[in-house]
C-alpha atoms as a PDB file:
ATOM      1  CA  MET A   1     -13.516  -4.041 -36.456  1.00  0.00           C
ATOM      2  CA  SER A   2     -15.714  -5.982 -37.932  1.00  0.00           C
ATOM      3  CA  ALA A   3     -19.240  -6.578 -36.277  1.00  0.00           C
ATOM      4  CA  ALA A   4     -18.376 -10.219 -37.198  1.00  0.00           C
ATOM      5  CA  GLY A   5     -15.060  -9.554 -35.552  1.00  0.00           C
ATOM      6  CA  ALA A   6     -16.842  -7.448 -32.693  1.00  0.00           C
ATOM      7  CA  ARG A   7     -19.622 -10.306 -31.603  1.00  0.00           C
ATOM      8  CA  THR A   8     -16.597 -12.637 -31.357  1.00  0.00           C
ATOM      9  CA  LEU A   9     -15.793 -11.092 -27.849  1.00  0.00           C
ATOM     10  CA  ARG A  10     -18.793 -11.442 -26.792  1.00  0.00           C
ATOM     11  CA  ASP A  11     -20.418 -15.370 -25.944  1.00  0.00           C
ATOM     12  CA  PRO A  12     -22.728 -17.296 -28.628  1.00  0.00           C
ATOM     13  CA  GLY A  13     -26.085 -15.419 -27.161  1.00  0.00           C
ATOM     14  CA  GLY A  14     -24.027 -11.626 -28.093  1.00  0.00           C
ATOM     15  CA  ASN A  15     -23.325 -10.359 -24.066  1.00  0.00           C
ATOM     16  CA  ARG A  16     -20.807  -8.888 -23.531  1.00  0.00           C
ATOM     17  CA  PRO A  17     -17.945 -11.466 -21.399  1.00  0.00           C
ATOM     18  CA  PRO A  18     -19.176 -12.493 -17.846  1.00  0.00           C
ATOM     19  CA  ARG A  19     -17.182  -9.494 -15.413  1.00  0.00           C
ATOM     20  CA  LEU A  20     -13.950 -10.527 -13.741  1.00  0.00           C
ATOM     21  CA  PRO A  21     -15.270 -12.614  -9.959  1.00  0.00           C
ATOM     22  CA  ALA A  22     -16.117 -10.142  -7.018  1.00  0.00           C
ATOM     23  CA  CYS A  23     -13.142 -11.363  -5.256  1.00  0.00           C
ATOM     24  CA  LEU A  24     -10.622  -9.723  -7.610  1.00  0.00           C
ATOM     25  CA  ARG A  25     -12.473  -6.361  -8.718  1.00  0.00           C
ATOM     26  CA  GLN A  26     -12.154  -5.324  -5.052  1.00  0.00           C
ATOM     27  CA  LEU A  27      -9.174  -6.550  -4.560  1.00  0.00           C
ATOM     28  CA  GLY A  28      -8.043  -3.800  -7.975  1.00  0.00           C
ATOM     29  CA  ALA A  29     -10.183  -1.433  -6.438  1.00  0.00           C
ATOM     30  CA  GLU A  30      -7.946  -1.862  -2.841  1.00  0.00           C
ATOM     31  CA  SER A  31      -4.492  -1.660  -4.528  1.00  0.00           C
ATOM     32  CA  ILE A  32      -5.682   1.533  -6.020  1.00  0.00           C
ATOM     33  CA  ARG A  33      -7.045   3.125  -3.497  1.00  0.00           C
ATOM     34  CA  TYR A  34      -4.204   1.837  -1.066  1.00  0.00           C
ATOM     35  CA  PHE A  35      -1.695   3.333  -3.692  1.00  0.00           C
ATOM     36  CA  LEU A  36      -3.294   6.389  -3.739  1.00  0.00           C
ATOM     37  CA  VAL A  37      -3.129   7.119   0.644  1.00  0.00           C
ATOM     38  CA  SER A  38       0.605   5.121  -0.177  1.00  0.00           C
ATOM     39  CA  ALA A  39       1.474   8.517  -1.990  1.00  0.00           C
ATOM     40  CA  LEU A  40      -0.315  10.920  -0.112  1.00  0.00           C
ATOM     41  CA  ALA A  41       0.941   9.626   3.183  1.00  0.00           C
ATOM     42  CA  LEU A  42       4.324  10.148   1.422  1.00  0.00           C
ATOM     43  CA  GLY A  43       3.906  13.734   0.471  1.00  0.00           C
ATOM     44  CA  CYS A  44       2.940  14.366   4.098  1.00  0.00           C
ATOM     45  CA  ASP A  45       5.608  12.596   5.408  1.00  0.00           C
ATOM     46  CA  LEU A  46       7.553  15.145   3.087  1.00  0.00           C
ATOM     47  CA  ALA A  47       6.422  18.014   3.230  1.00  0.00           C
ATOM     48  CA  VAL A  48       6.448  17.896   7.447  1.00  0.00           C
ATOM     49  CA  TYR A  49      10.606  16.327   6.946  1.00  0.00           C
ATOM     50  CA  ALA A  50      11.159  19.672   4.512  1.00  0.00           C
ATOM     51  CA  GLY A  51       8.959  21.980   6.206  1.00  0.00           C
ATOM     52  CA  LEU A  52      11.355  20.790  10.148  1.00  0.00           C
ATOM     53  CA  ILE A  53      13.896  20.749   7.978  1.00  0.00           C
ATOM     54  CA  ALA A  54      13.608  24.535   6.869  1.00  0.00           C
ATOM     55  CA  GLY A  55      13.039  25.133  10.496  1.00  0.00           C
ATOM     56  CA  GLY A  56      15.960  24.158  11.902  1.00  0.00           C
ATOM     57  CA  ALA A  57      15.431  21.435  12.969  1.00  0.00           C
ATOM     58  CA  MET A  58      17.492  18.015  12.867  1.00  0.00           C
ATOM     59  CA  ALA A  59      17.235  16.573   9.919  1.00  0.00           C
ATOM     60  CA  ALA A  60      16.844  12.588  12.056  1.00  0.00           C
ATOM     61  CA  ALA A  61      13.651  14.352  14.783  1.00  0.00           C
ATOM     62  CA  ALA A  62      11.857  16.016  11.249  1.00  0.00           C
ATOM     63  CA  GLY A  63      12.655  12.348   9.518  1.00  0.00           C
ATOM     64  CA  ALA A  64      10.492  10.781  12.798  1.00  0.00           C
ATOM     65  CA  LEU A  65       7.759  13.057  12.751  1.00  0.00           C
ATOM     66  CA  GLY A  66       7.789  12.930   9.216  1.00  0.00           C
ATOM     67  CA  TYR A  67       7.241   9.619   8.700  1.00  0.00           C
ATOM     68  CA  ALA A  68       4.724   9.684  11.602  1.00  0.00           C
ATOM     69  CA  LEU A  69       2.693  11.522  10.928  1.00  0.00           C
ATOM     70  CA  GLY A  70       2.575  10.115   7.607  1.00  0.00           C
ATOM     71  CA  MET A  71       1.494   6.637   9.274  1.00  0.00           C
ATOM     72  CA  LEU A  72      -1.354   8.316  11.047  1.00  0.00           C
ATOM     73  CA  VAL A  73      -2.264   9.260   7.423  1.00  0.00           C
ATOM     74  CA  HIS A  74      -1.557   6.045   5.754  1.00  0.00           C
ATOM     75  CA  TYR A  75      -3.431   4.854   8.393  1.00  0.00           C
ATOM     76  CA  ALA A  76      -6.618   6.853   8.964  1.00  0.00           C
ATOM     77  CA  LEU A  77      -6.967   7.329   4.831  1.00  0.00           C
ATOM     78  CA  SER A  78      -6.509   2.883   5.457  1.00  0.00           C
ATOM     79  CA  ALA A  79      -9.616   2.083   7.716  1.00  0.00           C
ATOM     80  CA  TYR A  80     -12.224   4.120   6.248  1.00  0.00           C
ATOM     81  CA  TRP A  81     -11.287   4.476   2.546  1.00  0.00           C
ATOM     82  CA  VAL A  82      -9.092   1.048   1.265  1.00  0.00           C
ATOM     83  CA  PHE A  83     -10.491  -1.040   3.629  1.00  0.00           C
ATOM     84  CA  PRO A  84     -13.493   0.273   4.962  1.00  0.00           C
ATOM     85  CA  ASP A  85     -15.088  -0.884   8.164  1.00  0.00           C
ATOM     86  CA  VAL A  86     -18.076  -2.149   6.300  1.00  0.00           C
ATOM     87  CA  ASP A  87     -19.521  -4.491   9.893  1.00  0.00           C
ATOM     88  CA  GLY A  88     -18.485  -1.803  12.382  1.00  0.00           C
ATOM     89  CA  THR A  89     -16.382  -4.207  14.325  1.00  0.00           C
ATOM     90  CA  ARG A  90     -12.853  -3.212  13.871  1.00  0.00           C
ATOM     91  CA  ARG A  91     -11.410  -1.488  17.212  1.00  0.00           C
ATOM     92  CA  THR A  92      -9.032   0.907  16.431  1.00  0.00           C
ATOM     93  CA  ALA A  93      -6.774   0.494  19.274  1.00  0.00           C
ATOM     94  CA  PRO A  94      -5.238  -3.174  18.036  1.00  0.00           C
ATOM     95  CA  THR A  95      -5.519  -2.102  14.265  1.00  0.00           C
ATOM     96  CA  LEU A  96      -3.111   0.731  15.009  1.00  0.00           C
ATOM     97  CA  VAL A  97      -0.602  -1.781  16.480  1.00  0.00           C
ATOM     98  CA  LYS A  98      -1.081  -4.378  13.644  1.00  0.00           C
ATOM     99  CA  PHE A  99      -1.027  -1.174  11.393  1.00  0.00           C
ATOM    100  CA  ALA A 100       2.299  -0.048  12.333  1.00  0.00           C
ATOM    101  CA  ALA A 101       3.351  -4.125  12.924  1.00  0.00           C
ATOM    102  CA  THR A 102       3.073  -4.231   9.452  1.00  0.00           C
ATOM    103  CA  GLY A 103       5.211  -1.280   8.780  1.00  0.00           C
ATOM    104  CA  LEU A 104       7.934  -1.980  10.862  1.00  0.00           C
ATOM    105  CA  LEU A 105       8.013  -5.480   8.780  1.00  0.00           C
ATOM    106  CA  GLY A 106       7.988  -3.749   5.573  1.00  0.00           C
ATOM    107  CA  LEU A 107      11.219  -1.776   6.904  1.00  0.00           C
ATOM    108  CA  MET A 108      12.838  -4.598   8.158  1.00  0.00           C
ATOM    109  CA  THR A 109      12.244  -6.016   4.409  1.00  0.00           C
ATOM    110  CA  THR A 110      13.432  -3.360   2.779  1.00  0.00           C
ATOM    111  CA  ALA A 111      17.074  -3.113   5.072  1.00  0.00           C
ATOM    112  CA  ALA A 112      17.354  -7.003   4.486  1.00  0.00           C
ATOM    113  CA  ILE A 113      16.990  -6.711   0.285  1.00  0.00           C
ATOM    114  CA  ILE A 114      18.993  -3.873   0.007  1.00  0.00           C
ATOM    115  CA  ASP A 115      21.905  -5.708   2.013  1.00  0.00           C
ATOM    116  CA  GLY A 116      21.753  -8.367   0.618  1.00  0.00           C
ATOM    117  CA  LEU A 117      22.075  -7.142  -2.709  1.00  0.00           C
ATOM    118  CA  THR A 118      24.456  -5.113  -2.536  1.00  0.00           C
ATOM    119  CA  ARG A 119      26.335  -7.305   0.039  1.00  0.00           C
ATOM    120  CA  HIS A 120      26.180 -10.235  -2.812  1.00  0.00           C
ATOM    121  CA  HIS A 121      27.023  -6.739  -5.341  1.00  0.00           C
ATOM    122  CA  ILE A 122      24.348  -7.984  -6.888  1.00  0.00           C
ATOM    123  CA  ALA A 123      22.858  -4.620  -7.706  1.00  0.00           C
ATOM    124  CA  GLY A 124      23.678  -1.095  -7.264  1.00  0.00           C
ATOM    125  CA  ALA A 125      22.523   0.601  -4.323  1.00  0.00           C
ATOM    126  CA  PHE A 126      19.451   2.287  -6.530  1.00  0.00           C
ATOM    127  CA  ALA A 127      18.474  -0.939  -7.426  1.00  0.00           C
ATOM    128  CA  ALA A 128      18.601  -2.473  -4.628  1.00  0.00           C
ATOM    129  CA  LYS A 129      16.054   0.550  -3.528  1.00  0.00           C
ATOM    130  CA  GLY A 130      14.220  -0.323  -6.395  1.00  0.00           C
ATOM    131  CA  VAL A 131      13.558  -3.942  -5.817  1.00  0.00           C
ATOM    132  CA  ALA A 132      13.353  -3.458  -1.888  1.00  0.00           C
ATOM    133  CA  VAL A 133      10.079  -0.553  -2.706  1.00  0.00           C
ATOM    134  CA  VAL A 134       8.259  -3.349  -4.733  1.00  0.00           C
ATOM    135  CA  SER A 135       8.578  -6.080  -2.914  1.00  0.00           C
ATOM    136  CA  ALA A 136       8.400  -4.064   0.815  1.00  0.00           C
ATOM    137  CA  TYR A 137       4.902  -2.500  -0.802  1.00  0.00           C
ATOM    138  CA  LEU A 138       3.206  -5.549  -1.937  1.00  0.00           C
ATOM    139  CA  ALA A 139       4.571  -7.567   0.955  1.00  0.00           C
ATOM    140  CA  VAL A 140       2.787  -5.376   3.820  1.00  0.00           C
ATOM    141  CA  PHE A 141       0.000  -4.208   0.967  1.00  0.00           C
ATOM    142  CA  MET A 142      -1.177  -7.935   1.448  1.00  0.00           C
ATOM    143  CA  LEU A 143      -0.271  -8.271   5.117  1.00  0.00           C
ATOM    144  CA  ARG A 144      -2.820  -5.536   5.661  1.00  0.00           C
ATOM    145  CA  ARG A 145      -5.188  -6.669   3.689  1.00  0.00           C
ATOM    146  CA  SER A 146      -5.556 -10.290   4.103  1.00  0.00           C
ATOM    147  CA  TYR A 147      -4.090  -9.626   8.477  1.00  0.00           C
ATOM    148  CA  VAL A 148      -4.761  -5.941   9.906  1.00  0.00           C
ATOM    149  CA  PHE A 149      -8.185  -5.010   8.063  1.00  0.00           C
ATOM    150  CA  ALA A 150      -8.877  -9.086   7.370  1.00  0.00           C
ATOM    151  CA  GLY A 151     -12.544  -8.633   9.636  1.00  0.00           C
ATOM    152  CA  SER A 152     -13.816  -5.620   8.211  1.00  0.00           C
ATOM    153  CA  LEU A 153     -12.962  -5.921   4.702  1.00  0.00           C
ATOM    154  CA  ARG A 154     -15.598  -8.773   2.858  1.00  0.00           C
ATOM    155  CA  GLY A 155     -19.249  -7.249   4.195  1.00  0.00           C
END
């Protein structure tokens, strides 16, 4: 790119363009951290599940225990890293209850989307699951950001 072309990316005074608004930068950072935490929690869930299955546990029990541990890992990392309590006013028990409730809402959203898409022959099982995962993930992230951890988000 020529020097003249590079200048067009700057304002008339030759400065760099303004940065994104702070609220969008914060949303982007939270989104990345939330994605990483979700992946780690899923990994914990699957590790517990696989370990219990290998040890002879019943699949349903192993699945429930893996899910529960994954949810606790997700909560802990979300509370302390994704959405830190900057003003120190968060109460753990109510926050954990709201966190679990949004997780159940995500579960119901997933089931409803898969049911609707497959029952009406709009999509196959795996395509429907893909739509459901993305939809539920975004809905739950936004609920957790704006409701579960809202009181301590903006310091």
